[in-house]
Amino acid sequence: MKQIEIWLRRVFFYGAFILAALAVCEKVANLFSYTVLRGVFTPLRLLEFAAIGLLFSIAMQLHQIRLSLSARSQDPTK
């Protein structure tokens, strides 16, 4: 289960940056009257999806930090 969480966090993190880069490319293409995505998603919508993915990635990372800190504080060897 821990490995799935690690991979999911990486997918959200890297996916967010890919979506942000795609939004920038789409916006630059739109400035020259072209489109990369053929009007399926606007650059603003892609940035919204990227922000949501990054938010989930940060939330999962903070949850993992909280779990590791609570396990460390309950460790009887300390």
N, C-alpha and C. Protein backbone atom coordinates (compact mmCIF):
# COMPACT_ATOMS: atom_id res chain seq x y z
N MET A 1 0.82 -1.20 0.00
CA MET A 1 0.00 0.00 0.00
C MET A 1 0.87 1.26 0.00
N LYS A 2 2.00 1.18 0.73
CA LYS A 2 2.88 2.34 0.80
C LYS A 2 3.48 2.65 -0.57
N GLN A 3 3.83 1.62 -1.33
CA GLN A 3 4.40 1.83 -2.66
C GLN A 3 3.37 2.44 -3.61
N ILE A 4 2.13 2.05 -3.48
CA ILE A 4 1.08 2.62 -4.33
C ILE A 4 0.94 4.12 -4.05
N GLU A 5 1.00 4.48 -2.78
CA GLU A 5 0.88 5.89 -2.41
C GLU A 5 2.06 6.69 -2.96
N ILE A 6 3.24 6.12 -2.90
CA ILE A 6 4.43 6.81 -3.42
C ILE A 6 4.29 7.02 -4.93
N TRP A 7 3.89 5.99 -5.64
CA TRP A 7 3.74 6.11 -7.10
C TRP A 7 2.62 7.06 -7.47
N LEU A 8 1.52 7.03 -6.72
CA LEU A 8 0.40 7.92 -7.00
C LEU A 8 0.81 9.37 -6.79
N ARG A 9 1.57 9.60 -5.73
CA ARG A 9 2.05 10.96 -5.46
C ARG A 9 2.95 11.45 -6.59
N ARG A 10 3.81 10.57 -7.09
CA ARG A 10 4.69 10.95 -8.21
C ARG A 10 3.90 11.22 -9.48
N VAL A 11 2.88 10.40 -9.73
CA VAL A 11 2.06 10.60 -10.93
C VAL A 11 1.36 11.95 -10.87
N PHE A 12 0.78 12.29 -9.72
CA PHE A 12 0.13 13.59 -9.59
C PHE A 12 1.13 14.74 -9.74
N PHE A 13 2.31 14.59 -9.14
CA PHE A 13 3.31 15.65 -9.18
C PHE A 13 3.81 15.89 -10.60
N TYR A 14 4.25 14.82 -11.26
CA TYR A 14 4.76 14.98 -12.62
C TYR A 14 3.64 15.31 -13.61
N GLY A 15 2.46 14.76 -13.40
CA GLY A 15 1.33 15.06 -14.26
C GLY A 15 0.94 16.53 -14.19
N ALA A 16 1.05 17.12 -13.00
CA ALA A 16 0.73 18.54 -12.85
C ALA A 16 1.69 19.40 -13.66
N PHE A 17 2.97 19.05 -13.64
CA PHE A 17 3.93 19.85 -14.41
C PHE A 17 3.78 19.61 -15.91
N ILE A 18 3.41 18.43 -16.30
CA ILE A 18 3.16 18.17 -17.73
C ILE A 18 1.96 18.97 -18.20
N LEU A 19 0.90 18.99 -17.39
CA LEU A 19 -0.28 19.77 -17.76
C LEU A 19 0.03 21.26 -17.82
N ALA A 20 0.84 21.75 -16.90
CA ALA A 20 1.22 23.16 -16.91
C ALA A 20 2.04 23.49 -18.15
N ALA A 21 2.97 22.61 -18.52
CA ALA A 21 3.77 22.84 -19.73
C ALA A 21 2.89 22.79 -20.97
N LEU A 22 1.93 21.88 -20.98
CA LEU A 22 1.00 21.80 -22.11
C LEU A 22 0.13 23.04 -22.20
N ALA A 23 -0.25 23.60 -21.06
CA ALA A 23 -1.03 24.83 -21.06
C ALA A 23 -0.23 25.99 -21.63
N VAL A 24 1.05 26.06 -21.29
CA VAL A 24 1.91 27.12 -21.83
C VAL A 24 2.07 26.95 -23.34
N CYS A 25 2.30 25.72 -23.79
CA CYS A 25 2.42 25.47 -25.23
C CYS A 25 1.14 25.82 -25.98
N GLU A 26 0.02 25.47 -25.39
CA GLU A 26 -1.28 25.78 -26.02
C GLU A 26 -1.49 27.29 -26.10
N LYS A 27 -1.12 28.00 -25.04
CA LYS A 27 -1.29 29.45 -25.04
C LYS A 27 -0.39 30.11 -26.08
N VAL A 28 0.84 29.64 -26.18
CA VAL A 28 1.75 30.19 -27.20
C VAL A 28 1.22 29.87 -28.60
N ALA A 29 0.72 28.67 -28.80
CA ALA A 29 0.14 28.31 -30.10
C ALA A 29 -1.09 29.15 -30.40
N ASN A 30 -1.89 29.44 -29.37
CA ASN A 30 -3.07 30.28 -29.58
C ASN A 30 -2.69 31.71 -29.98
N LEU A 31 -1.55 32.18 -29.47
CA LEU A 31 -1.12 33.52 -29.84
C LEU A 31 -0.80 33.62 -31.33
N PHE A 32 -0.39 32.51 -31.93
CA PHE A 32 -0.09 32.47 -33.35
C PHE A 32 -1.25 31.88 -34.17
N SER A 33 -2.43 31.87 -33.59
CA SER A 33 -3.67 31.39 -34.23
C SER A 33 -3.63 29.91 -34.59
N TYR A 34 -2.92 29.14 -33.80
CA TYR A 34 -2.91 27.68 -33.94
C TYR A 34 -3.45 27.06 -32.67
N THR A 35 -3.62 25.75 -32.70
CA THR A 35 -4.03 25.04 -31.50
C THR A 35 -3.32 23.69 -31.45
N VAL A 36 -3.00 23.28 -30.27
CA VAL A 36 -2.36 21.99 -30.06
C VAL A 36 -3.43 20.94 -29.73
N LEU A 37 -4.39 21.34 -28.92
CA LEU A 37 -5.41 20.40 -28.43
C LEU A 37 -6.73 20.49 -29.19
N ARG A 38 -6.76 21.25 -30.24
CA ARG A 38 -7.93 21.41 -31.10
C ARG A 38 -9.17 21.89 -30.34
N GLY A 39 -8.96 22.73 -29.33
CA GLY A 39 -10.08 23.33 -28.62
C GLY A 39 -10.74 22.45 -27.58
N VAL A 40 -10.16 21.30 -27.27
CA VAL A 40 -10.76 20.41 -26.28
C VAL A 40 -10.68 21.04 -24.89
N PHE A 41 -9.49 21.53 -24.52
CA PHE A 41 -9.29 22.19 -23.25
C PHE A 41 -8.64 23.55 -23.50
N THR A 42 -9.06 24.53 -22.73
CA THR A 42 -8.41 25.83 -22.80
C THR A 42 -7.17 25.80 -21.91
N PRO A 43 -6.22 26.70 -22.15
CA PRO A 43 -5.03 26.73 -21.29
C PRO A 43 -5.36 26.97 -19.81
N LEU A 44 -6.37 27.77 -19.56
CA LEU A 44 -6.77 28.03 -18.18
C LEU A 44 -7.30 26.77 -17.51
N ARG A 45 -8.07 25.97 -18.24
CA ARG A 45 -8.60 24.72 -17.69
C ARG A 45 -7.47 23.73 -17.41
N LEU A 46 -6.46 23.70 -18.29
CA LEU A 46 -5.30 22.83 -18.05
C LEU A 46 -4.53 23.26 -16.81
N LEU A 47 -4.40 24.56 -16.59
CA LEU A 47 -3.74 25.04 -15.39
C LEU A 47 -4.54 24.70 -14.14
N GLU A 48 -5.87 24.73 -14.24
CA GLU A 48 -6.71 24.33 -13.10
C GLU A 48 -6.48 22.86 -12.76
N PHE A 49 -6.43 22.00 -13.77
CA PHE A 49 -6.17 20.58 -13.53
C PHE A 49 -4.78 20.37 -12.93
N ALA A 50 -3.81 21.14 -13.40
CA ALA A 50 -2.46 21.04 -12.86
C ALA A 50 -2.43 21.45 -11.39
N ALA A 51 -3.14 22.51 -11.05
CA ALA A 51 -3.18 22.96 -9.66
C ALA A 51 -3.86 21.93 -8.76
N ILE A 52 -4.91 21.30 -9.25
CA ILE A 52 -5.59 20.27 -8.47
C ILE A 52 -4.67 19.08 -8.25
N GLY A 53 -3.96 18.65 -9.30
CA GLY A 53 -3.03 17.54 -9.16
C GLY A 53 -1.90 17.86 -8.19
N LEU A 54 -1.39 19.07 -8.26
CA LEU A 54 -0.32 19.48 -7.35
C LEU A 54 -0.83 19.57 -5.92
N LEU A 55 -2.06 20.01 -5.75
CA LEU A 55 -2.65 20.08 -4.42
C LEU A 55 -2.78 18.68 -3.80
N PHE A 56 -3.23 17.71 -4.58
CA PHE A 56 -3.33 16.34 -4.08
C PHE A 56 -1.95 15.79 -3.75
N SER A 57 -0.96 16.09 -4.57
CA SER A 57 0.39 15.63 -4.32
C SER A 57 0.93 16.20 -3.01
N ILE A 58 0.72 17.47 -2.78
CA ILE A 58 1.18 18.10 -1.55
C ILE A 58 0.44 17.54 -0.35
N ALA A 59 -0.86 17.32 -0.48
CA ALA A 59 -1.64 16.77 0.63
C ALA A 59 -1.16 15.36 0.99
N MET A 60 -0.87 14.54 -0.01
CA MET A 60 -0.38 13.19 0.27
C MET A 60 1.00 13.24 0.91
N GLN A 61 1.85 14.16 0.48
CA GLN A 61 3.18 14.29 1.07
C GLN A 61 3.08 14.73 2.52
N LEU A 62 2.23 15.69 2.82
CA LEU A 62 2.05 16.14 4.19
C LEU A 62 1.49 15.04 5.08
N HIS A 63 0.59 14.23 4.53
CA HIS A 63 0.05 13.10 5.28
C HIS A 63 1.15 12.10 5.61
N GLN A 64 2.02 11.84 4.66
CA GLN A 64 3.14 10.91 4.89
C GLN A 64 4.09 11.46 5.94
N ILE A 65 4.35 12.74 5.92
CA ILE A 65 5.22 13.37 6.92
C ILE A 65 4.59 13.26 8.30
N ARG A 66 3.29 13.51 8.39
CA ARG A 66 2.59 13.41 9.67
C ARG A 66 2.65 11.99 10.22
N LEU A 67 2.48 11.00 9.37
CA LEU A 67 2.55 9.61 9.81
C LEU A 67 3.95 9.24 10.29
N SER A 68 4.95 9.69 9.58
CA SER A 68 6.32 9.36 10.00
C SER A 68 6.69 10.07 11.29
N LEU A 69 6.22 11.30 11.49
CA LEU A 69 6.50 12.01 12.74
C LEU A 69 5.77 11.38 13.92
N SER A 70 4.55 10.95 13.70
CA SER A 70 3.81 10.32 14.80
C SER A 70 4.40 8.96 15.14
N ALA A 71 4.90 8.23 14.15
CA ALA A 71 5.55 6.95 14.42
C ALA A 71 6.86 7.17 15.18
N ARG A 72 7.56 8.24 14.86
CA ARG A 72 8.81 8.53 15.54
C ARG A 72 8.57 8.93 17.00
N SER A 73 7.49 9.69 17.26
CA SER A 73 7.22 10.13 18.62
C SER A 73 6.71 8.97 19.49
N GLN A 74 6.14 7.93 18.88
CA GLN A 74 5.66 6.79 19.65
C GLN A 74 6.69 5.68 19.75
N ASP A 75 7.86 5.89 19.18
CA ASP A 75 8.91 4.88 19.18
C ASP A 75 9.48 4.73 20.60
N PRO A 76 9.40 3.53 21.21
CA PRO A 76 9.87 3.38 22.60
C PRO A 76 11.38 3.36 22.74
N THR A 77 12.12 3.24 21.66
CA THR A 77 13.58 3.21 21.74
C THR A 77 14.18 4.60 21.90
N LYS A 78 13.37 5.63 21.75
CA LYS A 78 13.87 7.00 21.88
C LYS A 78 13.98 7.44 23.29
